[in-house]
Amino acid sequence: MTFEEIKTLDSQYVMPSYSRFPVAVDHGKGATIWDVNGREYIDFTSGIGVCSLGYADEGWVEAVTNQAKKLAHISNLFYAEPYAALAEKLCTRAGMCSVFFSNSGAEGNEGLIKLARKWSFDKYGKGRGTVITLRNSFHGRTITTLAATGQDKFHNYFFPFTEGFRYADANDIDSVEAVAGHDVCAVMMELIQGEGGVLPLDREFVQKVAALCAKRDWLLLIDEVQTGVGRTGSLFAYQQYGIQPDAVSFAKGIAGGLPFGGVMAGEKCKAVFTSGTHGTTFGGNPVAAAAAGYVLDRIDDAFLAQVREKGAYLREQIEALSVPCLGRTRGLGMMIGIEVKEGWTNKELANKLIDSGLLILTAGPSLRLLPPLVITYEEMDKGLAIMKTVLA
């Protein structure tokens, strides 16, 4: 199909819930993609952090193909090797005890909230189900995860929203204590507020929140949907903050392009979900689990070191561009935010870059980079050259 044919079908038959850029992607290799007209683009987005190993990785394709030939799906009423083997790998490397598999980040965060509330109910009974989240956070687009999200612009249209959330200011422990109460069961936060603008939390603040949770017997919940699976230069971002959460959500890059996510639990709440208290039809799907197992095998210490090195290189080179519309960078590993200076908008700049062959994202008022973790220096340099030419 041509671009216009695809666009026509989209407008006629697809709900208009996305504001799409004028590109119809056909195929990719590594961190380079081509549209239906054969035009080449450097990809600094990886499907919003999903395609962790880029496109058409041969080992990933083989893992998916072999499992699809053997068993594509089986009910969770039965056992299967792929999800069980993956659970061992995840828990061992993350220092956690058990895992529940789902299909997306929003489902993972719903799982975190349900886990915390059931843990508290089992121990304390009713009346202790409030979860504290941070302003400027983003936790998903279901009714409950929208309510958990600490941004007013998301609290519209879909009334009534789920109750039981209070919001505190990031990097302000006094603000967290000010909204505390006897009805609180957990604090839930992203260590880097991704959709809010790629804003890393201060290490000292995170450790104070962890200490407060231990003191009050609250669960410490970490949303690693965007920061997890090697994105920040460690398998999970919390491993760089000197904390051990009670439960962690994950999704996006875990299966390298297939829908997959979940919740990992530590010792305190490893057995909270009992038979019938939580479930999902496609959770732990054999094909997606096989893909995730391959991704985890690839993300070893040497791989993570390269992620840190590439992220540092990108940030240094972007700041060295000295273009008038961009300011400082921030982030960890290959999760990078770029300040957009007054007089320009991130959407305006993103459109110019995409039109010139560089796929890039926005977040809050900033530009956002989430390249495939396997991006080469040659691909990075091509993307940087486009930025320099277009934004000079």
Protein backbone atom coordinates (compact mmCIF):
# COMPACT_ATOMS: atom_id res chain seq x y z
CA MET A 1 0.00 0.00 0.00
CA THR A 2 1.03 3.61 -0.49
CA PHE A 3 1.20 6.07 2.39
CA GLU A 4 -2.03 7.74 1.25
CA GLU A 5 -3.87 4.39 1.05
CA ILE A 6 -2.78 3.48 4.59
CA LYS A 7 -3.73 6.94 5.87
CA THR A 8 -7.16 6.67 4.23
CA LEU A 9 -7.87 3.30 5.85
CA ASP A 10 -6.73 4.65 9.20
CA SER A 11 -9.05 7.66 8.97
CA GLN A 12 -12.03 5.53 7.91
CA TYR A 13 -11.73 2.57 10.28
CA VAL A 14 -9.47 3.42 13.24
CA MET A 15 -10.58 5.48 16.25
CA PRO A 16 -8.79 8.86 16.14
CA SER A 17 -7.07 8.48 19.52
CA TYR A 18 -3.52 9.10 18.23
CA SER A 19 -1.95 12.17 16.69
CA ARG A 20 0.34 10.47 14.18
CA PHE A 21 3.42 11.82 12.42
CA PRO A 22 3.18 11.58 8.59
CA VAL A 23 5.28 8.41 8.26
CA ALA A 24 4.11 4.88 7.42
CA VAL A 25 6.83 2.47 8.55
CA ASP A 26 7.45 -0.65 6.48
CA HIS A 27 10.52 -2.42 7.90
CA GLY A 28 13.69 -1.92 9.92
CA LYS A 29 17.14 -3.27 10.72
CA GLY A 30 19.05 -2.36 13.85
CA ALA A 31 18.18 1.27 14.64
CA THR A 32 17.34 2.18 11.04
CA ILE A 33 13.86 1.94 9.51
CA TRP A 34 12.36 2.51 6.08
CA ASP A 35 8.92 3.80 5.19
CA VAL A 36 6.61 2.43 2.50
CA ASN A 37 8.26 4.74 -0.03
CA GLY A 38 11.72 3.37 0.74
CA ARG A 39 12.90 6.45 2.62
CA GLU A 40 15.44 5.81 5.40
CA TYR A 41 15.12 7.07 8.99
CA ILE A 42 17.39 6.82 12.01
CA ASP A 43 15.27 5.72 14.96
CA PHE A 44 15.83 7.44 18.32
CA THR A 45 12.48 6.10 19.65
CA SER A 46 12.47 2.26 19.52
CA GLY A 47 8.66 2.27 19.60
CA ILE A 48 8.72 4.36 22.83
CA GLY A 49 11.36 2.14 24.41
CA VAL A 50 9.89 -1.19 23.28
CA CYS A 51 12.25 -2.44 20.57
CA SER A 52 15.20 -2.80 22.94
CA LEU A 53 17.21 -4.89 20.47
CA GLY A 54 16.18 -2.82 17.48
CA TYR A 55 14.57 -4.33 14.41
CA ALA A 56 15.07 -7.75 12.79
CA ASP A 57 17.57 -9.01 15.37
CA GLU A 58 18.33 -12.50 14.10
CA GLY A 59 18.48 -14.20 17.51
CA TRP A 60 15.22 -12.58 18.59
CA VAL A 61 13.49 -13.62 15.35
CA GLU A 62 14.74 -17.17 15.83
CA ALA A 63 13.54 -17.34 19.45
CA VAL A 64 10.07 -16.08 18.48
CA THR A 65 9.83 -18.30 15.41
CA ASN A 66 10.91 -21.48 17.17
CA GLN A 67 8.41 -20.95 19.99
CA ALA A 68 5.59 -20.02 17.59
CA LYS A 69 6.17 -23.29 15.73
CA LYS A 70 5.98 -25.21 19.01
CA LEU A 71 3.28 -23.52 21.15
CA ALA A 72 1.78 -20.07 20.56
CA HIS A 73 -0.59 -19.97 23.53
CA ILE A 74 -1.89 -22.07 26.39
CA SER A 75 -4.22 -21.17 29.24
CA ASN A 76 -2.69 -20.24 32.59
CA LEU A 77 -4.60 -23.22 33.95
CA PHE A 78 -1.63 -25.25 32.69
CA TYR A 79 2.14 -25.07 33.09
CA ALA A 80 4.54 -24.15 30.28
CA GLU A 81 8.32 -23.86 30.23
CA PRO A 82 8.86 -20.36 28.70
CA TYR A 83 7.17 -18.32 31.44
CA ALA A 84 8.66 -20.43 34.25
CA ALA A 85 12.20 -20.14 32.89
CA LEU A 86 11.74 -16.40 32.39
CA ALA A 87 10.43 -15.93 35.94
CA GLU A 88 13.61 -17.51 37.34
CA LYS A 89 15.84 -15.26 35.23
CA LEU A 90 13.96 -12.11 36.17
CA CYS A 91 13.70 -12.73 39.90
CA THR A 92 17.31 -13.89 40.20
CA ARG A 93 18.75 -10.85 38.43
CA ALA A 94 16.39 -8.35 40.07
CA GLY A 95 16.71 -9.67 43.62
CA MET A 96 12.98 -10.35 43.78
CA CYS A 97 10.99 -13.43 44.83
CA SER A 98 8.00 -13.88 42.52
CA VAL A 99 6.48 -12.46 39.36
CA PHE A 100 3.06 -12.03 37.79
CA PHE A 101 3.06 -11.70 33.99
CA SER A 102 0.71 -9.34 32.15
CA ASN A 103 0.59 -7.67 28.73
CA SER A 104 1.40 -3.99 29.19
CA GLY A 105 2.78 -1.32 31.48
CA ALA A 106 -0.66 -0.12 32.55
CA GLU A 107 -1.56 -3.69 33.52
CA GLY A 108 1.71 -3.96 35.41
CA ASN A 109 0.90 -0.82 37.38
CA GLU A 110 -2.68 -1.98 38.01
CA GLY A 111 -1.04 -5.12 39.41
CA LEU A 112 1.19 -3.04 41.70
CA ILE A 113 -1.83 -1.20 43.09
CA LYS A 114 -3.89 -4.36 43.59
CA LEU A 115 -0.92 -6.10 45.20
CA ALA A 116 -0.41 -3.25 47.68
CA ARG A 117 -4.06 -3.01 48.61
CA LYS A 118 -4.49 -6.75 49.10
CA TRP A 119 -1.27 -6.96 51.10
CA SER A 120 -2.55 -4.22 53.37
CA PHE A 121 -6.03 -5.75 53.63
CA ASP A 122 -4.57 -9.15 54.53
CA LYS A 123 -2.47 -7.59 57.28
CA TYR A 124 -4.56 -4.65 58.53
CA GLY A 125 -8.09 -5.09 57.18
CA LYS A 126 -10.17 -2.40 55.48
CA GLY A 127 -9.45 1.32 55.48
CA ARG A 128 -5.77 1.27 54.56
CA GLY A 129 -5.74 1.33 50.76
CA THR A 130 -4.46 4.79 49.80
CA VAL A 131 -1.41 4.97 47.51
CA ILE A 132 0.81 8.06 47.43
CA THR A 133 2.17 8.96 43.97
CA LEU A 134 4.16 11.95 42.75
CA ARG A 135 3.02 15.01 40.86
CA ASN A 136 4.13 14.99 37.22
CA SER A 137 4.10 11.17 37.20
CA PHE A 138 2.54 8.94 34.57
CA HIS A 139 1.40 5.39 35.31
CA GLY A 140 -0.94 4.41 32.45
CA ARG A 141 -4.26 5.01 30.73
CA THR A 142 -6.70 2.70 32.48
CA ILE A 143 -9.16 4.40 34.84
CA THR A 144 -7.12 3.43 37.90
CA THR A 145 -3.66 4.21 36.50
CA LEU A 146 -4.95 7.56 35.23
CA ALA A 147 -6.07 8.28 38.78
CA ALA A 148 -2.61 7.26 40.02
CA THR A 149 -0.99 9.62 37.51
CA GLY A 150 -0.09 12.91 39.16
CA GLN A 151 -0.99 15.24 36.28
CA ASP A 152 -4.28 17.16 36.27
CA LYS A 153 -4.55 17.10 32.46
CA PHE A 154 -5.20 13.35 32.63
CA HIS A 155 -7.99 13.72 35.20
CA ASN A 156 -10.79 14.61 32.83
CA TYR A 157 -13.56 13.03 30.71
CA PHE A 158 -13.64 9.60 32.36
CA PHE A 159 -15.40 10.33 35.64
CA PRO A 160 -15.70 8.87 38.16
CA PHE A 161 -12.03 8.02 38.62
CA THR A 162 -10.83 5.37 41.04
CA GLU A 163 -10.42 6.72 44.57
CA GLY A 164 -7.52 6.14 46.91
CA PHE A 165 -4.63 8.26 45.60
CA ARG A 166 -2.85 11.31 47.00
CA TYR A 167 -0.07 13.26 45.32
CA ALA A 168 3.21 14.59 46.68
CA ASP A 169 5.95 16.71 45.14
CA ALA A 170 8.95 14.92 43.67
CA ASN A 171 12.23 15.37 45.57
CA ASP A 172 10.42 16.77 48.63
CA ILE A 173 10.18 14.30 51.51
CA ASP A 174 8.23 16.85 53.58
CA SER A 175 5.54 16.83 50.89
CA VAL A 176 5.32 13.04 51.08
CA GLU A 177 4.96 13.15 54.87
CA ALA A 178 2.37 15.91 54.61
CA VAL A 179 -0.04 13.73 52.62
CA ALA A 180 0.57 10.64 54.74
CA GLY A 181 -2.09 9.19 56.99
CA HIS A 182 -3.30 6.04 58.69
CA ASP A 183 -5.06 5.04 55.46
CA VAL A 184 -1.85 4.80 53.37
CA CYS A 185 -0.54 1.41 52.25
CA ALA A 186 2.17 2.32 49.70
CA VAL A 187 4.21 4.91 47.83
CA MET A 188 4.43 4.40 44.06
CA MET A 189 6.91 6.28 41.86
CA GLU A 190 8.95 6.34 38.67
CA LEU A 191 12.64 6.89 39.32
CA ILE A 192 12.76 8.90 36.12
CA GLN A 193 9.49 10.63 35.28
CA GLY A 194 9.38 9.71 31.60
CA GLU A 195 6.21 11.20 30.17
CA GLY A 196 6.62 14.15 32.51
CA GLY A 197 9.81 15.23 30.73
CA VAL A 198 12.54 12.66 31.55
CA LEU A 199 13.13 13.96 35.07
CA PRO A 200 15.33 11.74 37.30
CA LEU A 201 14.48 11.69 41.00
CA ASP A 202 17.22 12.64 43.46
CA ARG A 203 18.93 9.62 44.98
CA GLU A 204 18.70 11.08 48.51
CA PHE A 205 14.95 11.68 48.15
CA VAL A 206 14.34 8.12 46.93
CA GLN A 207 16.28 6.68 49.85
CA LYS A 208 14.34 8.84 52.31
CA VAL A 209 11.06 7.60 50.80
CA ALA A 210 12.30 4.01 51.16
CA ALA A 211 13.15 4.65 54.81
CA LEU A 212 9.75 6.25 55.43
CA CYS A 213 8.01 3.23 53.88
CA ALA A 214 9.96 0.89 56.14
CA LYS A 215 9.11 3.02 59.19
CA ARG A 216 5.38 3.25 58.43
CA ASP A 217 5.09 -0.32 57.07
CA TRP A 218 4.08 0.89 53.62
CA LEU A 219 5.07 -0.90 50.46
CA LEU A 220 7.65 0.77 48.22
CA LEU A 221 6.37 0.39 44.64
CA ILE A 222 8.62 1.28 41.69
CA ASP A 223 7.20 1.79 38.21
CA GLU A 224 9.96 0.54 35.86
CA VAL A 225 7.79 0.33 32.74
CA GLN A 226 9.98 2.80 30.85
CA THR A 227 13.19 2.69 32.90
CA GLY A 228 13.56 -1.09 33.13
CA VAL A 229 15.24 -3.83 31.09
CA GLY A 230 18.58 -2.10 30.55
CA ARG A 231 17.24 1.28 29.44
CA THR A 232 19.12 3.27 32.10
CA GLY A 233 22.35 1.25 32.02
CA SER A 234 21.38 -1.26 34.71
CA LEU A 235 18.81 -4.03 34.36
CA PHE A 236 16.42 -1.92 36.47
CA ALA A 237 16.88 1.72 37.45
CA TYR A 238 16.37 1.03 41.18
CA GLN A 239 19.65 -0.88 41.14
CA GLN A 240 21.37 2.52 40.75
CA TYR A 241 19.49 4.11 43.65
CA GLY A 242 20.63 1.89 46.51
CA ILE A 243 17.13 0.62 47.35
CA GLN A 244 15.30 -2.69 47.22
CA PRO A 245 11.60 -2.16 46.38
CA ASP A 246 8.80 -4.33 47.70
CA ALA A 247 7.32 -4.61 44.20
CA VAL A 248 8.27 -3.45 40.70
CA SER A 249 6.32 -3.14 37.45
CA PHE A 250 7.94 -3.69 34.04
CA ALA A 251 6.91 -3.83 30.37
CA LYS A 252 8.01 -2.01 27.17
CA GLY A 253 11.47 -3.40 26.27
CA ILE A 254 11.16 -6.73 28.09
CA ALA A 255 10.08 -8.75 25.03
CA GLY A 256 11.84 -6.67 22.39
CA GLY A 257 8.67 -5.72 20.49
CA LEU A 258 5.93 -8.08 21.67
CA PRO A 259 3.25 -7.08 24.22
CA PHE A 260 4.50 -8.20 27.62
CA GLY A 261 4.74 -6.84 31.15
CA GLY A 262 4.25 -7.73 34.75
CA VAL A 263 4.89 -7.24 38.46
CA MET A 264 7.78 -8.57 40.52
CA ALA A 265 7.35 -8.90 44.27
CA GLY A 266 9.86 -9.09 47.08
CA GLU A 267 9.74 -11.25 50.19
CA LYS A 268 7.11 -9.16 51.97
CA CYS A 269 4.41 -9.67 49.35
CA LYS A 270 5.54 -12.61 47.22
CA ALA A 271 2.45 -14.69 47.99
CA VAL A 272 -0.22 -11.95 48.15
CA PHE A 273 -1.88 -12.91 44.86
CA THR A 274 -3.58 -16.21 45.60
CA SER A 275 -5.68 -18.33 43.25
CA GLY A 276 -8.47 -16.27 41.71
CA THR A 277 -7.36 -12.87 43.09
CA HIS A 278 -5.61 -11.74 39.90
CA GLY A 279 -5.28 -13.01 36.36
CA THR A 280 -5.12 -12.26 32.63
CA THR A 281 -5.71 -14.46 29.59
CA PHE A 282 -2.51 -13.69 27.71
CA GLY A 283 -0.16 -13.20 30.68
CA GLY A 284 3.01 -15.27 30.29
CA ASN A 285 2.23 -16.00 26.64
CA PRO A 286 4.80 -18.58 25.45
CA VAL A 287 5.94 -16.67 22.36
CA ALA A 288 6.33 -13.37 24.22
CA ALA A 289 8.02 -15.15 27.14
CA ALA A 290 10.50 -16.78 24.76
CA ALA A 291 11.26 -13.36 23.28
CA ALA A 292 11.74 -11.89 26.77
CA GLY A 293 14.06 -14.74 27.74
CA TYR A 294 16.23 -13.97 24.72
CA VAL A 295 16.27 -10.25 25.53
CA LEU A 296 17.38 -10.91 29.11
CA ASP A 297 20.14 -13.23 27.93
CA ARG A 298 21.47 -10.47 25.68
CA ILE A 299 21.44 -7.84 28.41
CA ASP A 300 24.51 -8.93 30.35
CA ASP A 301 27.05 -6.74 32.18
CA ALA A 302 29.03 -5.97 29.01
CA PHE A 303 25.83 -4.98 27.19
CA LEU A 304 24.80 -2.68 30.06
CA ALA A 305 28.23 -1.04 30.06
CA GLN A 306 27.75 -0.25 26.36
CA VAL A 307 24.34 1.28 27.12
CA ARG A 308 25.95 3.62 29.65
CA GLU A 309 28.76 4.51 27.24
CA LYS A 310 26.38 5.17 24.32
CA GLY A 311 24.09 7.26 26.50
CA ALA A 312 27.02 9.39 27.68
CA TYR A 313 28.20 9.79 24.08
CA LEU A 314 24.77 10.93 22.88
CA ARG A 315 24.42 13.48 25.67
CA GLU A 316 27.92 14.88 25.14
CA GLN A 317 27.42 15.18 21.39
CA ILE A 318 23.97 16.77 21.68
CA GLU A 319 25.22 19.41 24.11
CA ALA A 320 28.22 20.02 21.83
CA LEU A 321 25.91 20.81 18.89
CA SER A 322 25.33 24.30 20.36
CA VAL A 323 22.15 24.80 18.39
CA PRO A 324 20.02 27.76 19.55
CA CYS A 325 16.84 25.83 20.34
CA LEU A 326 18.28 23.12 22.63
CA GLY A 327 19.59 23.33 26.18
CA ARG A 328 20.99 20.77 28.60
CA THR A 329 20.33 17.05 28.57
CA ARG A 330 19.33 14.83 31.48
CA GLY A 331 18.57 11.19 32.16
CA LEU A 332 20.31 7.87 32.72
CA GLY A 333 21.78 5.51 30.15
CA MET A 334 19.80 5.70 26.94
CA MET A 335 16.78 7.42 28.44
CA ILE A 336 17.55 11.03 27.59
CA GLY A 337 15.60 14.26 27.84
CA ILE A 338 16.66 17.44 26.04
CA GLU A 339 15.62 20.92 27.19
CA VAL A 340 13.82 22.96 24.52
CA LYS A 341 14.55 26.66 24.91
CA GLU A 342 11.95 29.43 24.95
CA GLY A 343 10.78 30.41 21.49
CA TRP A 344 10.44 26.84 20.22
CA THR A 345 8.16 23.90 21.05
CA ASN A 346 9.17 20.27 21.24
CA LYS A 347 6.46 19.27 18.77
CA GLU A 348 7.68 21.82 16.23
CA LEU A 349 11.24 20.51 16.52
CA ALA A 350 10.16 16.86 16.45
CA ASN A 351 8.22 17.42 13.23
CA LYS A 352 11.22 19.09 11.58
CA LEU A 353 13.55 16.25 12.61
CA ILE A 354 11.18 13.50 11.51
CA ASP A 355 10.64 15.24 8.19
CA SER A 356 14.44 15.19 7.74
CA GLY A 357 14.89 11.50 8.59
CA LEU A 358 15.28 11.27 12.38
CA LEU A 359 12.52 9.73 14.51
CA ILE A 360 12.37 11.39 17.92
CA LEU A 361 9.89 11.69 20.81
CA THR A 362 8.50 14.42 23.04
CA ALA A 363 7.87 14.32 26.79
CA GLY A 364 6.46 17.17 28.84
CA PRO A 365 8.04 20.30 27.32
CA SER A 366 11.18 18.41 26.25
CA LEU A 367 12.48 16.22 23.46
CA ARG A 368 12.98 12.59 24.47
CA LEU A 369 15.39 9.95 23.16
CA LEU A 370 14.81 6.23 23.69
CA PRO A 371 16.97 4.63 20.98
CA PRO A 372 17.26 0.88 20.53
CA LEU A 373 19.88 -0.28 23.03
CA VAL A 374 21.83 -1.86 20.15
CA ILE A 375 22.13 1.34 18.14
CA THR A 376 25.57 1.68 16.54
CA TYR A 377 27.84 4.69 16.72
CA GLU A 378 27.41 5.09 12.97
CA GLU A 379 23.62 5.30 13.40
CA MET A 380 23.98 7.72 16.32
CA ASP A 381 26.30 9.93 14.27
CA LYS A 382 23.81 9.96 11.38
CA GLY A 383 21.06 11.06 13.75
CA LEU A 384 23.27 13.70 15.34
CA ALA A 385 24.19 15.05 11.90
CA ILE A 386 20.49 15.46 11.11
CA MET A 387 19.95 17.30 14.41
CA LYS A 388 22.84 19.65 13.68
CA THR A 389 21.70 20.42 10.14
CA VAL A 390 18.01 20.87 10.92
CA LEU A 391 18.28 22.74 14.22
CA ALA A 392 21.25 24.99 13.48
